[in-house]
Amino acid sequence: MYIVGLGKYTGEDIKLLCTNKKVAQIVLGDILCDRRMFKNVKYDLVDFAKYIQQSGKKTVLQTNVYVTDRNFQQTLELVQYLYSSGLVSDVLVQDVGLATRIASELGNVNIIWSRMGRVRNSIANSLLAAYLKSIGVSTVETDREGRIALYKKNGLDVHTVFGNVYYNTINRECYSKYESGNFGDVCHRECLTRVQEMVSADTSLNMIVDGHILGSRLQYNAAPEFKKHSREYNCCVTIYAKDVNGFQVAVRQWEE
């Protein structure tokens, strides 16, 4: 059974995943902007979470990587609403302040330190594990075999990640606003059209004016040792993919 997170969802995608016997949980929420993931933003997120619950599966909420004064309270209120409604009990975070508040106000939420936590601290050791536990984190995502045993031995559960995102960015704000003159709350989801693109000869990351991101890719660690450690330590596996077809391909690669 897998946890699955797609780059973008439609109602049909949710239905397909909910009927897939290999899917246990579905990750909802974009790491940067939910307009990239959902056509109707938070309305879709809530409706999809309800459908997932009715299907007998569970939703994992992915919170924003950049939680600032601008969106901190809004993010916390979303977590509180989804939790109190019984729609979410697992939340992916990568912000120390948000993790601390969720733990203090919603003690039964399973706080998962997401794969994006590497932007906060790229070094993993027993001190980091102890600190994460002290702020309420119970689970950690990782795509590195050496960290599985480290976190497990220090009392944290581990979700192994197959399909880690890597991207270029220089700003927390949406580039499309400046490229198209769309300021304030105006958004036409132009970040999804890929109108402007520069293909580099020496990197796998094409430079795309794509919302917050200037080029991104999913990297799949198919090393036998990584898979071996994941199975030996009985880790849940989270597969991230661009779409449903990408998820199906990734499942086959993981099970090879």
Protein backbone atom coordinates (compact mmCIF):
# COMPACT_ATOMS: atom_id res chain seq x y z
CA MET A 1 0.00 0.00 0.00
CA TYR A 2 1.30 3.43 -0.95
CA ILE A 3 0.83 7.07 -0.11
CA VAL A 4 0.54 9.02 -3.37
CA GLY A 5 1.01 12.68 -4.16
CA LEU A 6 0.36 14.11 -7.63
CA GLY A 7 1.40 17.47 -9.04
CA LYS A 8 -2.15 18.33 -10.06
CA TYR A 9 -5.58 16.80 -9.41
CA THR A 10 -8.94 16.60 -11.13
CA GLY A 11 -12.03 14.89 -9.81
CA GLU A 12 -11.35 11.98 -12.17
CA ASP A 13 -7.82 11.59 -10.77
CA ILE A 14 -9.21 11.32 -7.25
CA LYS A 15 -11.73 8.69 -8.34
CA LEU A 16 -9.04 6.61 -10.04
CA LEU A 17 -6.76 6.74 -6.99
CA CYS A 18 -9.61 5.91 -4.62
CA THR A 19 -10.38 2.73 -6.57
CA ASN A 20 -6.71 1.70 -6.73
CA LYS A 21 -6.11 -1.10 -4.22
CA LYS A 22 -2.46 -0.14 -3.89
CA VAL A 23 -3.28 3.37 -2.60
CA ALA A 24 -3.80 3.89 1.14
CA GLN A 25 -3.46 7.66 1.44
CA ILE A 26 -3.48 10.65 -0.92
CA VAL A 27 -1.45 13.83 -0.41
CA LEU A 28 -3.40 17.04 -1.08
CA GLY A 29 -1.81 20.50 -1.08
CA ASP A 30 0.89 22.09 -3.22
CA ILE A 31 4.27 22.91 -1.69
CA LEU A 32 4.09 26.47 -3.05
CA CYS A 33 0.63 27.46 -4.29
CA ASP A 34 -2.61 25.46 -4.30
CA ARG A 35 -3.69 27.18 -7.50
CA ARG A 36 -1.07 25.03 -9.22
CA MET A 37 -2.72 21.85 -7.95
CA PHE A 38 -6.45 22.58 -7.93
CA LYS A 39 -8.66 24.39 -10.42
CA ASN A 40 -10.92 25.63 -7.63
CA VAL A 41 -8.20 25.95 -5.01
CA LYS A 42 -9.34 25.27 -1.41
CA TYR A 43 -12.85 24.24 -2.50
CA ASP A 44 -11.40 21.33 -4.46
CA LEU A 45 -9.09 20.43 -1.60
CA VAL A 46 -11.98 20.10 0.86
CA ASP A 47 -14.29 18.32 -1.63
CA PHE A 48 -11.55 15.86 -2.61
CA ALA A 49 -10.73 15.17 1.06
CA LYS A 50 -14.40 14.36 1.69
CA TYR A 51 -14.52 12.01 -1.30
CA ILE A 52 -11.31 10.29 -0.16
CA GLN A 53 -12.77 9.79 3.31
CA GLN A 54 -16.00 8.33 1.90
CA SER A 55 -13.96 5.89 -0.20
CA GLY A 56 -12.31 4.49 2.93
CA LYS A 57 -8.89 5.99 2.23
CA LYS A 58 -7.13 8.84 4.06
CA THR A 59 -5.87 12.30 3.16
CA VAL A 60 -2.46 13.70 4.04
CA LEU A 61 -2.32 17.50 3.99
CA GLN A 62 0.80 19.12 2.50
CA THR A 63 1.33 22.62 3.90
CA ASN A 64 3.15 25.44 2.15
CA VAL A 65 6.95 25.46 2.20
CA TYR A 66 7.07 29.21 2.77
CA VAL A 67 4.85 29.94 5.76
CA THR A 68 5.17 33.62 6.69
CA ASP A 69 3.07 36.24 8.48
CA ARG A 70 1.14 36.54 5.22
CA ASN A 71 -0.25 33.01 5.30
CA PHE A 72 0.59 31.47 8.70
CA GLN A 73 -2.84 31.96 10.32
CA GLN A 74 -4.64 30.88 7.14
CA THR A 75 -2.60 27.67 6.99
CA LEU A 76 -3.18 26.92 10.67
CA GLU A 77 -6.93 27.48 10.29
CA LEU A 78 -7.06 25.09 7.32
CA VAL A 79 -5.33 22.38 9.36
CA GLN A 80 -7.70 23.00 12.27
CA TYR A 81 -10.78 22.83 10.03
CA LEU A 82 -9.74 19.63 8.23
CA TYR A 83 -8.74 17.97 11.49
CA SER A 84 -11.89 18.97 13.40
CA SER A 85 -13.99 17.76 10.44
CA GLY A 86 -12.31 14.36 10.60
CA LEU A 87 -10.91 14.75 7.09
CA VAL A 88 -7.20 14.86 7.95
CA SER A 89 -5.06 13.45 10.75
CA ASP A 90 -1.66 13.52 8.99
CA VAL A 91 0.00 16.82 8.08
CA LEU A 92 3.23 17.39 6.16
CA VAL A 93 5.16 20.40 7.45
CA GLN A 94 8.62 21.88 6.96
CA ASP A 95 8.23 24.95 9.14
CA VAL A 96 9.28 24.83 12.79
CA GLY A 97 6.79 27.45 13.94
CA LEU A 98 3.85 25.77 12.23
CA ALA A 99 4.78 22.34 13.57
CA THR A 100 4.99 23.75 17.09
CA ARG A 101 1.59 25.45 16.88
CA ILE A 102 -0.12 22.39 15.40
CA ALA A 103 1.34 20.19 18.14
CA SER A 104 0.26 22.58 20.91
CA GLU A 105 -3.27 23.16 19.60
CA LEU A 106 -4.05 19.81 17.93
CA GLY A 107 -2.17 17.24 19.94
CA ASN A 108 -3.45 14.17 18.09
CA VAL A 109 -2.36 15.27 14.62
CA ASN A 110 0.44 13.15 13.15
CA ILE A 111 3.03 15.76 12.16
CA ILE A 112 5.29 14.59 9.35
CA TRP A 113 8.52 16.49 8.66
CA SER A 114 8.30 16.55 4.88
CA ARG A 115 10.92 15.97 2.23
CA MET A 116 11.00 19.75 1.82
CA GLY A 117 12.46 20.03 5.32
CA ARG A 118 15.85 19.92 3.60
CA VAL A 119 15.46 23.63 2.85
CA ARG A 120 15.54 24.18 6.64
CA ASN A 121 18.35 21.77 7.54
CA SER A 122 20.22 19.56 5.08
CA ILE A 123 22.17 17.69 7.77
CA ALA A 124 20.54 14.72 9.51
CA ASN A 125 21.82 13.50 12.88
CA SER A 126 20.57 12.49 16.33
CA LEU A 127 20.40 16.13 17.43
CA LEU A 128 18.03 16.96 14.57
CA ALA A 129 15.91 13.91 15.36
CA ALA A 130 15.67 14.93 19.02
CA TYR A 131 14.75 18.50 18.08
CA LEU A 132 12.04 17.38 15.65
CA LYS A 133 10.53 15.18 18.35
CA SER A 134 10.62 18.10 20.81
CA ILE A 135 8.43 20.24 18.51
CA GLY A 136 5.87 17.49 17.96
CA VAL A 137 7.11 15.73 14.83
CA SER A 138 6.53 11.96 14.87
CA THR A 139 7.39 10.98 11.28
CA VAL A 140 10.02 12.03 8.72
CA GLU A 141 10.07 11.74 4.93
CA THR A 142 13.38 10.86 3.29
CA ASP A 143 14.77 9.51 0.01
CA ARG A 144 18.19 8.60 1.47
CA GLU A 145 18.86 5.09 2.71
CA GLY A 146 21.37 6.21 5.35
CA ARG A 147 18.78 8.32 7.13
CA ILE A 148 16.18 5.58 7.54
CA ALA A 149 18.07 3.79 10.32
CA LEU A 150 19.11 7.08 11.91
CA TYR A 151 15.56 8.35 12.32
CA LYS A 152 14.19 4.95 13.34
CA LYS A 153 16.85 4.46 16.03
CA ASN A 154 16.02 7.90 17.40
CA GLY A 155 12.34 7.14 17.83
CA LEU A 156 10.86 8.62 14.65
CA ASP A 157 8.73 6.81 12.13
CA VAL A 158 9.91 7.03 8.50
CA HIS A 159 8.12 7.44 5.18
CA THR A 160 10.47 6.68 2.32
CA VAL A 161 10.03 9.00 -0.65
CA PHE A 162 10.09 7.77 -4.23
CA GLY A 163 9.99 10.82 -6.46
CA ASN A 164 11.60 13.74 -4.64
CA VAL A 165 11.13 17.19 -6.18
CA TYR A 166 14.09 19.43 -6.99
CA TYR A 167 13.61 22.93 -8.31
CA ASN A 168 15.21 26.33 -8.92
CA THR A 169 13.76 29.47 -7.39
CA ILE A 170 14.92 32.90 -6.28
CA ASN A 171 11.74 34.30 -4.74
CA ARG A 172 8.83 33.29 -2.54
CA GLU A 173 6.42 35.28 -4.67
CA CYS A 174 4.75 34.16 -7.89
CA TYR A 175 6.72 35.14 -11.00
CA SER A 176 3.61 35.15 -13.17
CA LYS A 177 2.30 38.17 -11.30
CA TYR A 178 5.24 40.22 -12.51
CA GLU A 179 5.47 38.69 -15.97
CA SER A 180 1.79 39.33 -16.70
CA GLY A 181 1.07 42.29 -14.45
CA ASN A 182 -1.36 40.28 -12.31
CA PHE A 183 -1.08 41.69 -8.80
CA GLY A 184 -3.12 41.31 -5.65
CA ASP A 185 -5.53 38.38 -5.77
CA VAL A 186 -5.73 38.25 -9.57
CA CYS A 187 -4.74 34.81 -10.87
CA HIS A 188 -5.44 33.18 -14.22
CA ARG A 189 -3.32 30.08 -13.46
CA GLU A 190 -0.93 31.18 -16.20
CA CYS A 191 1.85 29.35 -14.38
CA LEU A 192 0.50 26.10 -15.85
CA THR A 193 0.72 27.18 -19.50
CA ARG A 194 4.55 27.17 -19.78
CA VAL A 195 4.51 30.04 -22.24
CA GLN A 196 8.14 30.99 -21.65
CA GLU A 197 10.88 28.39 -21.51
CA MET A 198 14.67 28.38 -21.88
CA VAL A 199 16.27 24.99 -22.46
CA SER A 200 19.74 24.73 -20.93
CA ALA A 201 22.45 22.62 -22.57
CA ASP A 202 24.17 21.66 -19.31
CA THR A 203 21.40 20.96 -16.80
CA SER A 204 18.32 18.76 -16.56
CA LEU A 205 16.30 21.67 -15.18
CA ASN A 206 14.83 23.72 -17.99
CA MET A 207 14.23 27.31 -16.95
CA ILE A 208 10.49 27.93 -16.97
CA VAL A 209 8.59 30.96 -15.71
CA ASP A 210 6.25 28.66 -13.82
CA GLY A 211 4.67 30.45 -10.89
CA HIS A 212 7.15 30.26 -8.01
CA ILE A 213 9.47 27.81 -9.79
CA LEU A 214 12.15 28.29 -12.43
CA GLY A 215 12.51 24.69 -13.56
CA SER A 216 11.80 21.47 -11.64
CA ARG A 217 12.08 17.71 -11.86
CA LEU A 218 11.19 14.60 -9.87
CA GLN A 219 14.15 12.42 -8.95
CA TYR A 220 13.55 8.73 -8.25
CA ASN A 221 16.07 6.92 -6.07
CA ALA A 222 15.88 3.40 -7.46
CA ALA A 223 19.05 2.21 -5.72
CA PRO A 224 18.65 -1.39 -4.44
CA GLU A 225 20.01 -0.38 -1.02
CA PHE A 226 17.36 2.30 -0.61
CA LYS A 227 14.56 -0.13 -1.40
CA LYS A 228 16.16 -2.76 0.85
CA HIS A 229 16.40 -0.40 3.83
CA SER A 230 12.83 0.76 3.30
CA ARG A 231 11.54 -2.80 3.43
CA GLU A 232 13.78 -3.92 6.29
CA TYR A 233 12.57 -1.06 8.48
CA ASN A 234 8.94 -1.56 7.38
CA CYS A 235 8.58 2.00 6.11
CA CYS A 236 5.52 3.43 4.43
CA VAL A 237 6.37 4.45 0.87
CA THR A 238 5.22 7.80 -0.51
CA ILE A 239 5.30 8.06 -4.29
CA TYR A 240 5.23 11.52 -5.84
CA ALA A 241 4.41 11.84 -9.52
CA LYS A 242 3.23 14.37 -12.07
CA ASP A 243 -0.04 12.54 -12.79
CA VAL A 244 -1.84 9.20 -12.42
CA ASN A 245 0.10 7.61 -15.29
CA GLY A 246 3.35 8.75 -13.73
CA PHE A 247 2.30 7.18 -10.44
CA GLN A 248 1.58 3.85 -12.12
CA VAL A 249 4.99 3.89 -13.81
CA ALA A 250 6.70 4.74 -10.51
CA VAL A 251 4.93 1.86 -8.74
CA ARG A 252 6.32 -0.57 -11.32
CA GLN A 253 9.80 0.89 -10.89
CA TRP A 254 9.62 0.59 -7.11
CA GLU A 255 8.40 -3.01 -7.26
CA GLU A 256 11.06 -4.16 -9.75
